[in-house]
Amino acid sequence: MSAFDKAKDKAQQAKGKAKKKVGEATDDEELEAEGQREQMAGEAKEAAHGARDKATRAAHEAKEKLQGGDEDERRGR
C-alpha cells in the first residue's frame, strides 16, 4: 500500500473516531453513528489495500517461479 493511501485511510479513521467521540459527548446519536461508519470505512479501505498488495506480491512471486527465478538468479549473480 502506498504511503499516501495509508495516510488517507488512517485520516478517515481518525476523523470518524473524533466524530464518534463528539457524538457520544453530546448525546448526538446521528453524529456518533456517522463517525462509526466513517471509521469503519477507513478500516475497510486499509484492509482492502493490504489485500491488494498481498495479492500483487503473490502474483509477482508466482510469475518469477514460472520464469525460473528472478533476473539476477538467471544471470548467475
N, C-alpha and C. Protein backbone atom coordinates (compact mmCIF):
# COMPACT_ATOMS: atom_id res chain seq x y z
N MET A 1 0.85 -1.16 0.00
CA MET A 1 0.00 0.00 0.00
C MET A 1 0.90 1.22 0.00
N SER A 2 0.52 2.16 -0.80
CA SER A 2 1.35 3.38 -0.85
C SER A 2 1.19 4.16 0.44
N ALA A 3 2.17 4.95 0.73
CA ALA A 3 2.13 5.77 1.94
C ALA A 3 0.96 6.75 1.88
N PHE A 4 0.66 7.23 0.69
CA PHE A 4 -0.46 8.16 0.53
C PHE A 4 -1.78 7.48 0.85
N ASP A 5 -1.98 6.26 0.33
CA ASP A 5 -3.22 5.52 0.61
C ASP A 5 -3.35 5.24 2.10
N LYS A 6 -2.25 4.82 2.71
CA LYS A 6 -2.28 4.51 4.14
C LYS A 6 -2.62 5.76 4.95
N ALA A 7 -2.03 6.88 4.59
CA ALA A 7 -2.31 8.13 5.30
C ALA A 7 -3.77 8.54 5.15
N LYS A 8 -4.31 8.40 3.94
CA LYS A 8 -5.72 8.74 3.72
C LYS A 8 -6.63 7.84 4.56
N ASP A 9 -6.34 6.55 4.58
CA ASP A 9 -7.16 5.60 5.34
C ASP A 9 -7.09 5.90 6.83
N LYS A 10 -5.89 6.18 7.33
CA LYS A 10 -5.73 6.50 8.75
C LYS A 10 -6.43 7.82 9.10
N ALA A 11 -6.36 8.79 8.20
CA ALA A 11 -7.03 10.07 8.43
C ALA A 11 -8.54 9.88 8.49
N GLN A 12 -9.08 9.05 7.62
CA GLN A 12 -10.52 8.79 7.62
C GLN A 12 -10.92 8.11 8.93
N GLN A 13 -10.09 7.18 9.38
CA GLN A 13 -10.38 6.51 10.64
C GLN A 13 -10.36 7.49 11.81
N ALA A 14 -9.36 8.36 11.84
CA ALA A 14 -9.24 9.34 12.92
C ALA A 14 -10.41 10.32 12.91
N LYS A 15 -10.79 10.76 11.72
CA LYS A 15 -11.92 11.69 11.60
C LYS A 15 -13.20 11.02 12.10
N GLY A 16 -13.38 9.77 11.73
CA GLY A 16 -14.56 9.04 12.19
C GLY A 16 -14.56 8.84 13.69
N LYS A 17 -13.41 8.52 14.23
CA LYS A 17 -13.29 8.32 15.67
C LYS A 17 -13.62 9.62 16.42
N ALA A 18 -13.13 10.74 15.90
CA ALA A 18 -13.40 12.03 16.52
C ALA A 18 -14.89 12.35 16.49
N LYS A 19 -15.52 12.13 15.33
CA LYS A 19 -16.97 12.38 15.22
C LYS A 19 -17.74 11.50 16.20
N LYS A 20 -17.31 10.26 16.31
CA LYS A 20 -17.99 9.33 17.22
C LYS A 20 -17.88 9.83 18.66
N LYS A 21 -16.69 10.26 19.05
CA LYS A 21 -16.48 10.76 20.42
C LYS A 21 -17.31 12.02 20.69
N VAL A 22 -17.36 12.92 19.72
CA VAL A 22 -18.16 14.13 19.89
C VAL A 22 -19.63 13.76 19.99
N GLY A 23 -20.07 12.82 19.17
CA GLY A 23 -21.46 12.36 19.23
C GLY A 23 -21.79 11.75 20.58
N GLU A 24 -20.86 10.97 21.12
CA GLU A 24 -21.07 10.38 22.44
C GLU A 24 -21.16 11.47 23.52
N ALA A 25 -20.26 12.44 23.44
CA ALA A 25 -20.19 13.50 24.45
C ALA A 25 -21.41 14.42 24.42
N THR A 26 -22.00 14.58 23.25
CA THR A 26 -23.14 15.49 23.11
C THR A 26 -24.48 14.76 23.01
N ASP A 27 -24.45 13.45 23.19
CA ASP A 27 -25.66 12.62 23.06
C ASP A 27 -26.30 12.76 21.68
N ASP A 28 -25.48 12.95 20.67
CA ASP A 28 -25.96 13.06 19.29
C ASP A 28 -25.75 11.69 18.62
N GLU A 29 -26.78 10.88 18.65
CA GLU A 29 -26.68 9.52 18.13
C GLU A 29 -26.37 9.50 16.63
N GLU A 30 -26.91 10.48 15.91
CA GLU A 30 -26.69 10.55 14.46
C GLU A 30 -25.21 10.81 14.16
N LEU A 31 -24.61 11.75 14.87
CA LEU A 31 -23.19 12.06 14.67
C LEU A 31 -22.32 10.88 15.11
N GLU A 32 -22.70 10.25 16.19
CA GLU A 32 -21.97 9.07 16.67
C GLU A 32 -21.99 7.96 15.62
N ALA A 33 -23.15 7.70 15.05
CA ALA A 33 -23.27 6.67 14.02
C ALA A 33 -22.49 7.04 12.77
N GLU A 34 -22.55 8.31 12.39
CA GLU A 34 -21.79 8.78 11.22
C GLU A 34 -20.29 8.57 11.44
N GLY A 35 -19.84 8.89 12.64
CA GLY A 35 -18.43 8.69 12.97
C GLY A 35 -18.04 7.21 12.93
N GLN A 36 -18.91 6.37 13.45
CA GLN A 36 -18.65 4.93 13.43
C GLN A 36 -18.55 4.42 11.99
N ARG A 37 -19.47 4.87 11.13
CA ARG A 37 -19.43 4.46 9.72
C ARG A 37 -18.15 4.91 9.04
N GLU A 38 -17.76 6.16 9.31
CA GLU A 38 -16.56 6.70 8.68
C GLU A 38 -15.30 5.96 9.15
N GLN A 39 -15.26 5.66 10.44
CA GLN A 39 -14.12 4.93 10.99
C GLN A 39 -14.05 3.52 10.36
N MET A 40 -15.17 2.86 10.27
CA MET A 40 -15.20 1.51 9.69
C MET A 40 -14.85 1.52 8.20
N ALA A 41 -15.27 2.56 7.50
CA ALA A 41 -14.94 2.67 6.08
C ALA A 41 -13.43 2.81 5.91
N GLY A 42 -12.79 3.60 6.75
CA GLY A 42 -11.34 3.74 6.69
C GLY A 42 -10.63 2.43 6.98
N GLU A 43 -11.14 1.68 7.95
CA GLU A 43 -10.56 0.38 8.27
C GLU A 43 -10.73 -0.60 7.11
N ALA A 44 -11.91 -0.57 6.49
CA ALA A 44 -12.16 -1.46 5.36
C ALA A 44 -11.26 -1.13 4.17
N LYS A 45 -11.07 0.15 3.90
CA LYS A 45 -10.19 0.56 2.81
C LYS A 45 -8.75 0.13 3.08
N GLU A 46 -8.33 0.29 4.33
CA GLU A 46 -6.97 -0.11 4.69
C GLU A 46 -6.78 -1.61 4.48
N ALA A 47 -7.78 -2.40 4.90
CA ALA A 47 -7.71 -3.84 4.71
C ALA A 47 -7.71 -4.21 3.23
N ALA A 48 -8.52 -3.52 2.44
CA ALA A 48 -8.57 -3.80 1.00
C ALA A 48 -7.25 -3.48 0.33
N HIS A 49 -6.64 -2.36 0.70
CA HIS A 49 -5.34 -2.00 0.13
C HIS A 49 -4.29 -3.05 0.51
N GLY A 50 -4.34 -3.51 1.75
CA GLY A 50 -3.40 -4.53 2.20
C GLY A 50 -3.59 -5.84 1.44
N ALA A 51 -4.83 -6.23 1.22
CA ALA A 51 -5.11 -7.46 0.47
C ALA A 51 -4.66 -7.32 -0.98
N ARG A 52 -4.88 -6.16 -1.56
CA ARG A 52 -4.45 -5.93 -2.94
C ARG A 52 -2.93 -6.05 -3.05
N ASP A 53 -2.22 -5.45 -2.11
CA ASP A 53 -0.76 -5.52 -2.13
C ASP A 53 -0.26 -6.94 -1.95
N LYS A 54 -0.91 -7.69 -1.06
CA LYS A 54 -0.53 -9.08 -0.82
C LYS A 54 -0.75 -9.91 -2.08
N ALA A 55 -1.87 -9.70 -2.76
CA ALA A 55 -2.16 -10.43 -3.99
C ALA A 55 -1.16 -10.07 -5.09
N THR A 56 -0.79 -8.82 -5.16
CA THR A 56 0.18 -8.37 -6.16
C THR A 56 1.53 -9.04 -5.92
N ARG A 57 1.96 -9.08 -4.65
CA ARG A 57 3.23 -9.74 -4.32
C ARG A 57 3.18 -11.23 -4.66
N ALA A 58 2.06 -11.88 -4.34
CA ALA A 58 1.92 -13.31 -4.62
C ALA A 58 1.97 -13.58 -6.13
N ALA A 59 1.31 -12.72 -6.89
CA ALA A 59 1.32 -12.88 -8.35
C ALA A 59 2.73 -12.69 -8.90
N HIS A 60 3.45 -11.72 -8.37
CA HIS A 60 4.82 -11.46 -8.81
C HIS A 60 5.72 -12.66 -8.49
N GLU A 61 5.58 -13.20 -7.29
CA GLU A 61 6.37 -14.35 -6.89
C GLU A 61 6.06 -15.56 -7.76
N ALA A 62 4.78 -15.77 -8.05
CA ALA A 62 4.39 -16.89 -8.90
C ALA A 62 4.97 -16.73 -10.30
N LYS A 63 4.93 -15.52 -10.82
CA LYS A 63 5.49 -15.25 -12.15
C LYS A 63 6.98 -15.56 -12.17
N GLU A 64 7.70 -15.14 -11.11
CA GLU A 64 9.14 -15.41 -11.04
C GLU A 64 9.42 -16.91 -11.01
N LYS A 65 8.61 -17.66 -10.26
CA LYS A 65 8.80 -19.11 -10.18
C LYS A 65 8.57 -19.75 -11.55
N LEU A 66 7.56 -19.29 -12.24
CA LEU A 66 7.27 -19.84 -13.57
C LEU A 66 8.36 -19.51 -14.58
N GLN A 67 9.00 -18.39 -14.37
CA GLN A 67 10.07 -17.97 -15.27
C GLN A 67 11.42 -18.53 -14.85
N GLY A 68 11.45 -19.28 -13.77
CA GLY A 68 12.70 -19.90 -13.34
C GLY A 68 13.53 -19.03 -12.43
N GLY A 69 12.93 -18.22 -11.60
CA GLY A 69 13.67 -17.39 -10.66
C GLY A 69 13.70 -15.95 -11.13
N ASP A 70 14.39 -15.15 -10.35
CA ASP A 70 14.44 -13.74 -10.73
C ASP A 70 15.60 -13.49 -11.71
N GLU A 71 15.66 -12.31 -12.22
CA GLU A 71 16.63 -11.95 -13.26
C GLU A 71 18.06 -12.17 -12.78
N ASP A 72 18.37 -11.80 -11.55
CA ASP A 72 19.73 -11.97 -11.03
C ASP A 72 20.13 -13.44 -10.96
N GLU A 73 19.20 -14.29 -10.55
CA GLU A 73 19.48 -15.73 -10.47
C GLU A 73 19.76 -16.30 -11.86
N ARG A 74 19.01 -15.87 -12.86
CA ARG A 74 19.20 -16.38 -14.22
C ARG A 74 20.54 -15.94 -14.77
N ARG A 75 21.05 -14.82 -14.34
CA ARG A 75 22.32 -14.30 -14.85
C ARG A 75 23.50 -14.77 -13.99
N GLY A 76 23.21 -15.56 -12.94
CA GLY A 76 24.25 -16.10 -12.10
C GLY A 76 24.82 -15.13 -11.10
N ARG A 77 24.03 -14.16 -10.68
CA ARG A 77 24.51 -13.16 -9.71
C ARG A 77 24.08 -13.54 -8.32
